[in-house]
């Protein structure tokens, strides 16, 4: 039997178990990756810096990738990402906002 590592790239700091423990948390992650659209590289997941706490916020998840727009000449890749902010109420994470980052 062949086992593949299906963990998202650079996602060691994101506790996916917390988000997947509730339907609203799982739906929020799904909305984030769906909003990203087509990618030419594997998506990268990480926690996002929050200036209010001066550190990475475990409730703010960034997913990003690179893409090659067909209209652009050359082989430059462009970054794009989605910042998903969640709030926690009674141990349940719920999506608060999605922000598209260039």
PDB file of N, CA and C in Angstrom:
ATOM      1  N   UNK A   1       0.837  -1.177   0.000  1.00  0.00           N
ATOM      2  CA  UNK A   1       0.000   0.000   0.000  1.00  0.00           C
ATOM      3  C   UNK A   1       0.880   1.237   0.000  1.00  0.00           C
ATOM      4  N   UNK A   2       0.536   2.197  -0.841  1.00  0.00           N
ATOM      5  CA  UNK A   2       1.268   3.449  -0.927  1.00  0.00           C
ATOM      6  C   UNK A   2       0.503   4.507  -0.147  1.00  0.00           C
ATOM      7  N   UNK A   3       1.204   5.202   0.726  1.00  0.00           N
ATOM      8  CA  UNK A   3       0.583   6.283   1.504  1.00  0.00           C
ATOM      9  C   UNK A   3       1.122   7.610   1.005  1.00  0.00           C
ATOM     10  N   UNK A   4       0.242   8.529   0.757  1.00  0.00           N
ATOM     11  CA  UNK A   4       0.627   9.856   0.304  1.00  0.00           C
ATOM     12  C   UNK A   4       0.411  10.855   1.425  1.00  0.00           C
ATOM     13  N   UNK A   5       1.297  11.821   1.512  1.00  0.00           N
ATOM     14  CA  UNK A   5       1.134  12.895   2.465  1.00  0.00           C
ATOM     15  C   UNK A   5       0.150  13.901   1.869  1.00  0.00           C
ATOM     16  N   UNK A   6      -1.012  13.995   2.458  1.00  0.00           N
ATOM     17  CA  UNK A   6      -2.027  14.907   1.930  1.00  0.00           C
ATOM     18  C   UNK A   6      -2.137  16.184   2.746  1.00  0.00           C
ATOM     19  N   UNK A   7      -1.234  16.385   3.679  1.00  0.00           N
ATOM     20  CA  UNK A   7      -1.269  17.616   4.481  1.00  0.00           C
ATOM     21  C   UNK A   7      -0.928  18.805   3.592  1.00  0.00           C
ATOM     22  N   UNK A   8      -1.616  19.912   3.760  1.00  0.00           N
ATOM     23  CA  UNK A   8      -1.319  21.097   2.960  1.00  0.00           C
ATOM     24  C   UNK A   8       0.106  21.583   3.187  1.00  0.00           C
ATOM     25  N   UNK A   9       0.686  22.143   2.154  1.00  0.00           N
ATOM     26  CA  UNK A   9       2.052  22.646   2.219  1.00  0.00           C
ATOM     27  C   UNK A   9       2.161  23.742   3.272  1.00  0.00           C
ATOM     28  N   UNK A  10       3.209  23.702   4.076  1.00  0.00           N
ATOM     29  CA  UNK A  10       3.504  24.710   5.093  1.00  0.00           C
ATOM     30  C   UNK A  10       2.342  24.968   6.043  1.00  0.00           C
ATOM     31  N   UNK A  11       1.604  23.925   6.347  1.00  0.00           N
ATOM     32  CA  UNK A  11       0.431  24.111   7.187  1.00  0.00           C
ATOM     33  C   UNK A  11       0.656  23.648   8.621  1.00  0.00           C
ATOM     34  N   UNK A  12       1.903  23.484   9.016  1.00  0.00           N
ATOM     35  CA  UNK A  12       2.190  22.968  10.340  1.00  0.00           C
ATOM     36  C   UNK A  12       1.621  23.843  11.451  1.00  0.00           C
ATOM     37  N   UNK A  13       1.516  25.139  11.205  1.00  0.00           N
ATOM     38  CA  UNK A  13       1.029  26.027  12.250  1.00  0.00           C
ATOM     39  C   UNK A  13      -0.494  26.179  12.251  1.00  0.00           C
ATOM     40  N   UNK A  14      -1.180  25.669  11.233  1.00  0.00           N
ATOM     41  CA  UNK A  14      -2.640  25.739  11.188  1.00  0.00           C
ATOM     42  C   UNK A  14      -3.194  24.455  11.794  1.00  0.00           C
ATOM     43  N   UNK A  15      -4.027  24.582  12.811  1.00  0.00           N
ATOM     44  CA  UNK A  15      -4.636  23.422  13.463  1.00  0.00           C
ATOM     45  C   UNK A  15      -5.938  23.085  12.736  1.00  0.00           C
ATOM     46  N   UNK A  16      -5.810  22.315  11.651  1.00  0.00           N
ATOM     47  CA  UNK A  16      -6.986  21.990  10.850  1.00  0.00           C
ATOM     48  C   UNK A  16      -8.028  21.217  11.643  1.00  0.00           C
ATOM     49  N   UNK A  17      -7.611  20.478  12.647  1.00  0.00           N
ATOM     50  CA  UNK A  17      -8.549  19.731  13.488  1.00  0.00           C
ATOM     51  C   UNK A  17      -9.561  20.645  14.161  1.00  0.00           C
ATOM     52  N   UNK A  18      -9.118  21.820  14.591  1.00  0.00           N
ATOM     53  CA  UNK A  18     -10.034  22.798  15.206  1.00  0.00           C
ATOM     54  C   UNK A  18     -11.117  23.229  14.232  1.00  0.00           C
ATOM     55  N   UNK A  19     -10.730  23.485  12.999  1.00  0.00           N
ATOM     56  CA  UNK A  19     -11.678  23.973  11.998  1.00  0.00           C
ATOM     57  C   UNK A  19     -12.597  22.851  11.506  1.00  0.00           C
ATOM     58  N   UNK A  20     -12.049  21.663  11.353  1.00  0.00           N
ATOM     59  CA  UNK A  20     -12.835  20.547  10.830  1.00  0.00           C
ATOM     60  C   UNK A  20     -13.750  19.930  11.889  1.00  0.00           C
ATOM     61  N   UNK A  21     -13.613  20.360  13.131  1.00  0.00           N
ATOM     62  CA  UNK A  21     -14.429  19.805  14.221  1.00  0.00           C
ATOM     63  C   UNK A  21     -15.877  20.280  14.177  1.00  0.00           C
ATOM     64  N   UNK A  22     -16.160  21.318  13.384  1.00  0.00           N
ATOM     65  CA  UNK A  22     -17.538  21.804  13.299  1.00  0.00           C
ATOM     66  C   UNK A  22     -17.891  22.053  11.829  1.00  0.00           C
ATOM     67  N   UNK A  23     -19.146  21.884  11.481  1.00  0.00           N
ATOM     68  CA  UNK A  23     -19.550  22.153  10.097  1.00  0.00           C
ATOM     69  C   UNK A  23     -19.247  23.591   9.661  1.00  0.00           C
ATOM     70  N   UNK A  24     -19.420  24.550  10.555  1.00  0.00           N
ATOM     71  CA  UNK A  24     -19.178  25.940  10.177  1.00  0.00           C
ATOM     72  C   UNK A  24     -17.691  26.212   9.949  1.00  0.00           C
ATOM     73  N   UNK A  25     -16.831  25.592  10.717  1.00  0.00           N
ATOM     74  CA  UNK A  25     -15.393  25.746  10.523  1.00  0.00           C
ATOM     75  C   UNK A  25     -14.937  25.110   9.220  1.00  0.00           C
ATOM     76  N   UNK A  26     -15.436  23.904   8.952  1.00  0.00           N
ATOM     77  CA  UNK A  26     -15.091  23.209   7.710  1.00  0.00           C
ATOM     78  C   UNK A  26     -15.608  23.981   6.500  1.00  0.00           C
ATOM     79  N   UNK A  27     -16.810  24.519   6.600  1.00  0.00           N
ATOM     80  CA  UNK A  27     -17.378  25.297   5.503  1.00  0.00           C
ATOM     81  C   UNK A  27     -16.567  26.570   5.261  1.00  0.00           C
ATOM     82  N   UNK A  28     -16.059  27.173   6.325  1.00  0.00           N
ATOM     83  CA  UNK A  28     -15.237  28.377   6.184  1.00  0.00           C
ATOM     84  C   UNK A  28     -13.934  28.095   5.447  1.00  0.00           C
ATOM     85  N   UNK A  29     -13.270  26.965   5.777  1.00  0.00           N
ATOM     86  CA  UNK A  29     -12.052  26.597   5.053  1.00  0.00           C
ATOM     87  C   UNK A  29     -12.364  26.294   3.591  1.00  0.00           C
ATOM     88  N   UNK A  30     -13.483  25.637   3.365  1.00  0.00           N
ATOM     89  CA  UNK A  30     -13.911  25.324   1.999  1.00  0.00           C
ATOM     90  C   UNK A  30     -14.166  26.609   1.213  1.00  0.00           C
ATOM     91  N   UNK A  31     -14.802  27.578   1.847  1.00  0.00           N
ATOM     92  CA  UNK A  31     -15.057  28.863   1.183  1.00  0.00           C
ATOM     93  C   UNK A  31     -13.743  29.564   0.846  1.00  0.00           C
ATOM     94  N   UNK A  32     -12.764  29.471   1.735  1.00  0.00           N
ATOM     95  CA  UNK A  32     -11.476  30.132   1.503  1.00  0.00           C
ATOM     96  C   UNK A  32     -10.762  29.531   0.299  1.00  0.00           C
ATOM     97  N   UNK A  33     -10.647  28.212   0.247  1.00  0.00           N
ATOM     98  CA  UNK A  33      -9.922  27.579  -0.856  1.00  0.00           C
ATOM     99  C   UNK A  33     -10.699  27.716  -2.159  1.00  0.00           C
ATOM    100  N   UNK A  34     -12.020  27.698  -2.085  1.00  0.00           N
ATOM    101  CA  UNK A  34     -12.840  27.875  -3.289  1.00  0.00           C
ATOM    102  C   UNK A  34     -12.696  29.283  -3.851  1.00  0.00           C
ATOM    103  N   UNK A  35     -12.593  30.265  -2.976  1.00  0.00           N
ATOM    104  CA  UNK A  35     -12.460  31.660  -3.395  1.00  0.00           C
ATOM    105  C   UNK A  35     -11.119  31.934  -4.061  1.00  0.00           C
ATOM    106  N   UNK A  36     -10.151  31.089  -3.787  1.00  0.00           N
ATOM    107  CA  UNK A  36      -8.819  31.281  -4.347  1.00  0.00           C
ATOM    108  C   UNK A  36      -8.828  31.125  -5.877  1.00  0.00           C
ATOM    109  N   UNK A  37      -9.639  30.217  -6.379  1.00  0.00           N
ATOM    110  CA  UNK A  37      -9.702  30.011  -7.829  1.00  0.00           C
ATOM    111  C   UNK A  37      -8.568  29.140  -8.323  1.00  0.00           C
ATOM    112  N   UNK A  38      -8.325  29.219  -9.617  1.00  0.00           N
ATOM    113  CA  UNK A  38      -7.311  28.383 -10.261  1.00  0.00           C
ATOM    114  C   UNK A  38      -5.900  28.793  -9.844  1.00  0.00           C
ATOM    115  N   UNK A  39      -5.049  27.802  -9.634  1.00  0.00           N
ATOM    116  CA  UNK A  39      -3.659  28.024  -9.243  1.00  0.00           C
ATOM    117  C   UNK A  39      -2.733  27.228 -10.154  1.00  0.00           C
ATOM    118  N   UNK A  40      -1.530  27.752 -10.355  1.00  0.00           N
ATOM    119  CA  UNK A  40      -0.501  27.010 -11.081  1.00  0.00           C
ATOM    120  C   UNK A  40       0.531  26.408 -10.128  1.00  0.00           C
ATOM    121  N   UNK A  41       0.388  26.670  -8.844  1.00  0.00           N
ATOM    122  CA  UNK A  41       1.229  26.058  -7.818  1.00  0.00           C
ATOM    123  C   UNK A  41       0.320  25.481  -6.737  1.00  0.00           C
ATOM    124  N   UNK A  42       0.881  24.654  -5.877  1.00  0.00           N
ATOM    125  CA  UNK A  42       0.098  24.108  -4.772  1.00  0.00           C
ATOM    126  C   UNK A  42      -0.247  25.220  -3.785  1.00  0.00           C
ATOM    127  N   UNK A  43      -1.471  25.216  -3.252  1.00  0.00           N
ATOM    128  CA  UNK A  43      -1.823  26.221  -2.240  1.00  0.00           C
ATOM    129  C   UNK A  43      -0.963  26.082  -0.981  1.00  0.00           C
ATOM    130  N   UNK A  44      -0.661  27.213  -0.392  1.00  0.00           N
ATOM    131  CA  UNK A  44       0.113  27.278   0.847  1.00  0.00           C
ATOM    132  C   UNK A  44      -0.803  27.825   1.935  1.00  0.00           C
ATOM    133  N   UNK A  45      -0.834  27.153   3.073  1.00  0.00           N
ATOM    134  CA  UNK A  45      -1.674  27.548   4.204  1.00  0.00           C
ATOM    135  C   UNK A  45      -0.794  28.054   5.332  1.00  0.00           C
ATOM    136  N   UNK A  46      -1.259  29.068   6.030  1.00  0.00           N
ATOM    137  CA  UNK A  46      -0.543  29.548   7.216  1.00  0.00           C
ATOM    138  C   UNK A  46      -1.491  30.372   8.081  1.00  0.00           C
ATOM    139  N   UNK A  47      -1.063  30.595   9.316  1.00  0.00           N
ATOM    140  CA  UNK A  47      -1.785  31.527  10.169  1.00  0.00           C
ATOM    141  C   UNK A  47      -1.413  32.937   9.734  1.00  0.00           C
ATOM    142  N   UNK A  48      -2.274  33.869  10.004  1.00  0.00           N
ATOM    143  CA  UNK A  48      -2.031  35.248   9.595  1.00  0.00           C
ATOM    144  C   UNK A  48      -1.664  36.100  10.806  1.00  0.00           C
ATOM    145  N   UNK A  49      -0.762  37.035  10.579  1.00  0.00           N
ATOM    146  CA  UNK A  49      -0.374  37.979  11.623  1.00  0.00           C
ATOM    147  C   UNK A  49      -1.555  38.897  11.942  1.00  0.00           C
ATOM    148  N   UNK A  50      -1.757  39.127  13.216  1.00  0.00           N
ATOM    149  CA  UNK A  50      -2.832  40.002  13.682  1.00  0.00           C
ATOM    150  C   UNK A  50      -2.204  41.109  14.526  1.00  0.00           C
ATOM    151  N   UNK A  51      -2.225  42.352  14.050  1.00  0.00           N
ATOM    152  CA  UNK A  51      -1.581  43.436  14.806  1.00  0.00           C
ATOM    153  C   UNK A  51      -2.236  43.686  16.167  1.00  0.00           C
ATOM    154  N   UNK A  52      -3.504  43.295  16.318  1.00  0.00           N
ATOM    155  CA  UNK A  52      -4.176  43.508  17.607  1.00  0.00           C
ATOM    156  C   UNK A  52      -3.563  42.670  18.721  1.00  0.00           C
ATOM    157  N   UNK A  53      -2.999  41.511  18.377  1.00  0.00           N
ATOM    158  CA  UNK A  53      -2.367  40.666  19.398  1.00  0.00           C
ATOM    159  C   UNK A  53      -0.858  40.579  19.203  1.00  0.00           C
ATOM    160  N   UNK A  54      -0.349  41.298  18.188  1.00  0.00           N
ATOM    161  CA  UNK A  54       1.082  41.330  17.876  1.00  0.00           C
ATOM    162  C   UNK A  54       1.648  39.927  17.677  1.00  0.00           C
ATOM    163  N   UNK A  55       0.937  39.124  16.879  1.00  0.00           N
ATOM    164  CA  UNK A  55       1.397  37.770  16.599  1.00  0.00           C
ATOM    165  C   UNK A  55       0.428  37.057  15.669  1.00  0.00           C
ATOM    166  N   UNK A  56       0.745  35.808  15.381  1.00  0.00           N
ATOM    167  CA  UNK A  56      -0.142  35.013  14.547  1.00  0.00           C
ATOM    168  C   UNK A  56      -1.415  34.691  15.306  1.00  0.00           C
ATOM    169  N   UNK A  57      -2.537  34.890  14.644  1.00  0.00           N
ATOM    170  CA  UNK A  57      -3.841  34.622  15.258  1.00  0.00           C
ATOM    171  C   UNK A  57      -4.296  33.233  14.832  1.00  0.00           C
ATOM    172  N   UNK A  58      -4.535  32.312  15.779  1.00  0.00           N
ATOM    173  CA  UNK A  58      -4.957  30.959  15.419  1.00  0.00           C
ATOM    174  C   UNK A  58      -6.335  30.897  14.774  1.00  0.00           C
ATOM    175  N   UNK A  59      -7.065  32.013  14.769  1.00  0.00           N
ATOM    176  CA  UNK A  59      -8.382  32.073  14.132  1.00  0.00           C
ATOM    177  C   UNK A  59      -8.347  32.777  12.773  1.00  0.00           C
ATOM    178  N   UNK A  60      -7.164  33.173  12.327  1.00  0.00           N
ATOM    179  CA  UNK A  60      -7.014  33.833  11.024  1.00  0.00           C
ATOM    180  C   UNK A  60      -6.142  32.946  10.133  1.00  0.00           C
ATOM    181  N   UNK A  61      -6.719  32.431   9.065  1.00  0.00           N
ATOM    182  CA  UNK A  61      -6.017  31.491   8.189  1.00  0.00           C
ATOM    183  C   UNK A  61      -5.829  32.120   6.813  1.00  0.00           C
ATOM    184  N   UNK A  62      -4.602  32.039   6.316  1.00  0.00           N
ATOM    185  CA  UNK A  62      -4.280  32.514   4.971  1.00  0.00           C
ATOM    186  C   UNK A  62      -4.043  31.309   4.070  1.00  0.00           C
ATOM    187  N   UNK A  63      -4.606  31.346   2.878  1.00  0.00           N
ATOM    188  CA  UNK A  63      -4.287  30.353   1.845  1.00  0.00           C
ATOM    189  C   UNK A  63      -3.928  31.122   0.585  1.00  0.00           C
ATOM    190  N   UNK A  64      -2.817  30.759  -0.016  1.00  0.00           N
ATOM    191  CA  UNK A  64      -2.367  31.478  -1.196  1.00  0.00           C
ATOM    192  C   UNK A  64      -1.686  30.558  -2.190  1.00  0.00           C
ATOM    193  N   UNK A  65      -1.507  31.068  -3.392  1.00  0.00           N
ATOM    194  CA  UNK A  65      -0.837  30.317  -4.443  1.00  0.00           C
ATOM    195  C   UNK A  65      -0.302  31.307  -5.471  1.00  0.00           C
ATOM    196  N   UNK A  66       0.275  30.760  -6.520  1.00  0.00           N
ATOM    197  CA  UNK A  66       0.727  31.580  -7.632  1.00  0.00           C
ATOM    198  C   UNK A  66       0.022  31.116  -8.899  1.00  0.00           C
ATOM    199  N   UNK A  67      -0.155  32.049  -9.810  1.00  0.00           N
ATOM    200  CA  UNK A  67      -0.802  31.715 -11.075  1.00  0.00           C
ATOM    201  C   UNK A  67      -0.123  32.463 -12.209  1.00  0.00           C
ATOM    202  N   UNK A  68      -0.304  31.956 -13.418  1.00  0.00           N
ATOM    203  CA  UNK A  68       0.242  32.553 -14.619  1.00  0.00           C
ATOM    204  C   UNK A  68      -0.924  33.019 -15.473  1.00  0.00           C
ATOM    205  N   UNK A  69      -1.195  34.326 -15.491  1.00  0.00           N
ATOM    206  CA  UNK A  69      -2.308  34.806 -16.304  1.00  0.00           C
ATOM    207  C   UNK A  69      -2.002  34.618 -17.787  1.00  0.00           C
ATOM    208  N   UNK A  70      -2.955  34.095 -18.522  1.00  0.00           N
ATOM    209  CA  UNK A  70      -2.746  33.794 -19.934  1.00  0.00           C
ATOM    210  C   UNK A  70      -2.531  35.058 -20.769  1.00  0.00           C
ATOM    211  N   UNK A  71      -3.040  36.189 -20.299  1.00  0.00           N
ATOM    212  CA  UNK A  71      -2.906  37.436 -21.058  1.00  0.00           C
ATOM    213  C   UNK A  71      -1.515  38.035 -20.944  1.00  0.00           C
ATOM    214  N   UNK A  72      -0.719  37.562 -20.011  1.00  0.00           N
ATOM    215  CA  UNK A  72       0.593  38.134 -19.749  1.00  0.00           C
ATOM    216  C   UNK A  72       1.658  37.403 -20.555  1.00  0.00           C
ATOM    217  N   UNK A  73       2.513  38.150 -21.226  1.00  0.00           N
ATOM    218  CA  UNK A  73       3.622  37.536 -21.938  1.00  0.00           C
ATOM    219  C   UNK A  73       4.738  37.233 -20.958  1.00  0.00           C
ATOM    220  N   UNK A  74       5.469  36.208 -21.224  1.00  0.00           N
ATOM    221  CA  UNK A  74       6.556  35.817 -20.339  1.00  0.00           C
ATOM    222  C   UNK A  74       6.124  34.690 -19.422  1.00  0.00           C
ATOM    223  N   UNK A  75       6.994  34.371 -18.484  1.00  0.00           N
ATOM    224  CA  UNK A  75       6.698  33.256 -17.592  1.00  0.00           C
ATOM    225  C   UNK A  75       6.704  33.679 -16.124  1.00  0.00           C
ATOM    226  N   UNK A  76       6.281  34.923 -15.866  1.00  0.00           N
ATOM    227  CA  UNK A  76       6.188  35.411 -14.495  1.00  0.00           C
ATOM    228  C   UNK A  76       4.949  34.834 -13.824  1.00  0.00           C
ATOM    229  N   UNK A  77       5.089  34.452 -12.575  1.00  0.00           N
ATOM    230  CA  UNK A  77       3.955  33.996 -11.781  1.00  0.00           C
ATOM    231  C   UNK A  77       3.539  35.125 -10.850  1.00  0.00           C
ATOM    232  N   UNK A  78       2.261  35.232 -10.607  1.00  0.00           N
ATOM    233  CA  UNK A  78       1.713  36.278  -9.743  1.00  0.00           C
ATOM    234  C   UNK A  78       1.107  35.634  -8.501  1.00  0.00           C
ATOM    235  N   UNK A  79       1.251  36.318  -7.367  1.00  0.00           N
ATOM    236  CA  UNK A  79       0.702  35.828  -6.104  1.00  0.00           C
ATOM    237  C   UNK A  79      -0.762  36.214  -5.962  1.00  0.00           C
ATOM    238  N   UNK A  80      -1.521  35.354  -5.321  1.00  0.00           N
ATOM    239  CA  UNK A  80      -2.873  35.705  -4.892  1.00  0.00           C
ATOM    240  C   UNK A  80      -3.172  34.909  -3.646  1.00  0.00           C
ATOM    241  N   UNK A  81      -4.068  35.436  -2.824  1.00  0.00           N
ATOM    242  CA  UNK A  81      -4.372  34.756  -1.579  1.00  0.00           C
ATOM    243  C   UNK A  81      -5.708  35.183  -1.008  1.00  0.00           C
ATOM    244  N   UNK A  82      -6.143  34.412  -0.050  1.00  0.00           N
ATOM    245  CA  UNK A  82      -7.382  34.669   0.671  1.00  0.00           C
ATOM    246  C   UNK A  82      -7.078  34.627   2.166  1.00  0.00           C
ATOM    247  N   UNK A  83      -7.545  35.633   2.879  1.00  0.00           N
ATOM    248  CA  UNK A  83      -7.450  35.661   4.333  1.00  0.00           C
ATOM    249  C   UNK A  83      -8.832  35.359   4.892  1.00  0.00           C
ATOM    250  N   UNK A  84      -8.934  34.274   5.611  1.00  0.00           N
ATOM    251  CA  UNK A  84     -10.197  33.873   6.234  1.00  0.00           C
ATOM    252  C   UNK A  84     -10.100  34.143   7.733  1.00  0.00           C
ATOM    253  N   UNK A  85     -10.976  35.008   8.224  1.00  0.00           N
ATOM    254  CA  UNK A  85     -11.014  35.320   9.656  1.00  0.00           C
ATOM    255  C   UNK A  85     -12.223  34.622  10.268  1.00  0.00           C
ATOM    256  N   UNK A  86     -11.972  33.886  11.333  1.00  0.00           N
ATOM    257  CA  UNK A  86     -13.001  33.162  12.053  1.00  0.00           C
ATOM    258  C   UNK A  86     -13.166  33.757  13.437  1.00  0.00           C
ATOM    259  N   UNK A  87     -14.322  33.544  14.038  1.00  0.00           N
ATOM    260  CA  UNK A  87     -14.482  33.842  15.457  1.00  0.00           C
ATOM    261  C   UNK A  87     -14.930  32.563  16.139  1.00  0.00           C
ATOM    262  N   UNK A  88     -14.599  32.463  17.419  1.00  0.00           N
ATOM    263  CA  UNK A  88     -14.912  31.262  18.183  1.00  0.00           C
ATOM    264  C   UNK A  88     -15.946  31.604  19.242  1.00  0.00           C
ATOM    265  N   UNK A  89     -17.022  30.829  19.279  1.00  0.00           N
ATOM    266  CA  UNK A  89     -18.076  31.012  20.257  1.00  0.00           C
ATOM    267  C   UNK A  89     -18.463  29.647  20.796  1.00  0.00           C
ATOM    268  N   UNK A  90     -18.294  29.456  22.078  1.00  0.00           N
ATOM    269  CA  UNK A  90     -18.591  28.169  22.726  1.00  0.00           C
ATOM    270  C   UNK A  90     -17.844  27.021  22.064  1.00  0.00           C
ATOM    271  N   UNK A  91     -16.598  27.259  21.671  1.00  0.00           N
ATOM    272  CA  UNK A  91     -15.768  26.211  21.092  1.00  0.00           C
ATOM    273  C   UNK A  91     -16.031  25.918  19.626  1.00  0.00           C
ATOM    274  N   UNK A  92     -16.914  26.673  18.997  1.00  0.00           N
ATOM    275  CA  UNK A  92     -17.238  26.462  17.582  1.00  0.00           C
ATOM    276  C   UNK A  92     -16.690  27.628  16.766  1.00  0.00           C
ATOM    277  N   UNK A  93     -15.901  27.306  15.738  1.00  0.00           N
ATOM    278  CA  UNK A  93     -15.354  28.329  14.856  1.00  0.00           C
ATOM    279  C   UNK A  93     -16.339  28.624  13.735  1.00  0.00           C
ATOM    280  N   UNK A  94     -16.557  29.913  13.481  1.00  0.00           N
ATOM    281  CA  UNK A  94     -17.475  30.355  12.429  1.00  0.00           C
ATOM    282  C   UNK A  94     -16.761  31.402  11.590  1.00  0.00           C
ATOM    283  N   UNK A  95     -16.922  31.304  10.274  1.00  0.00           N
ATOM    284  CA  UNK A  95     -16.294  32.266   9.378  1.00  0.00           C
ATOM    285  C   UNK A  95     -16.882  33.654   9.600  1.00  0.00           C
ATOM    286  N   UNK A  96     -15.996  34.629   9.781  1.00  0.00           N
ATOM    287  CA  UNK A  96     -16.406  36.008   9.972  1.00  0.00           C
ATOM    288  C   UNK A  96     -16.250  36.804   8.682  1.00  0.00           C
ATOM    289  N   UNK A  97     -15.122  36.602   7.987  1.00  0.00           N
ATOM    290  CA  UNK A  97     -14.898  37.352   6.741  1.00  0.00           C
ATOM    291  C   UNK A  97     -13.869  36.644   5.874  1.00  0.00           C
ATOM    292  N   UNK A  98     -13.974  36.919   4.565  1.00  0.00           N
ATOM    293  CA  UNK A  98     -12.982  36.503   3.582  1.00  0.00           C
ATOM    294  C   UNK A  98     -12.460  37.754   2.895  1.00  0.00           C
ATOM    295  N   UNK A  99     -11.155  37.870   2.779  1.00  0.00           N
ATOM    296  CA  UNK A  99     -10.557  39.022   2.104  1.00  0.00           C
ATOM    297  C   UNK A  99      -9.613  38.508   1.033  1.00  0.00           C
ATOM    298  N   UNK A 100      -9.832  38.960  -0.211  1.00  0.00           N
ATOM    299  CA  UNK A 100      -8.936  38.581  -1.300  1.00  0.00           C
ATOM    300  C   UNK A 100      -7.733  39.492  -1.278  1.00  0.00           C
ATOM    301  N   UNK A 101      -6.549  38.883  -1.319  1.00  0.00           N
ATOM    302  CA  UNK A 101      -5.294  39.634  -1.313  1.00  0.00           C
ATOM    303  C   UNK A 101      -4.622  39.475  -2.665  1.00  0.00           C
ATOM    304  N   UNK A 102      -4.063  40.541  -3.214  1.00  0.00           N
ATOM    305  CA  UNK A 102      -3.436  40.431  -4.547  1.00  0.00           C
ATOM    306  C   UNK A 102      -2.169  39.610  -4.496  1.00  0.00           C
TER     307      UNK A 102
END
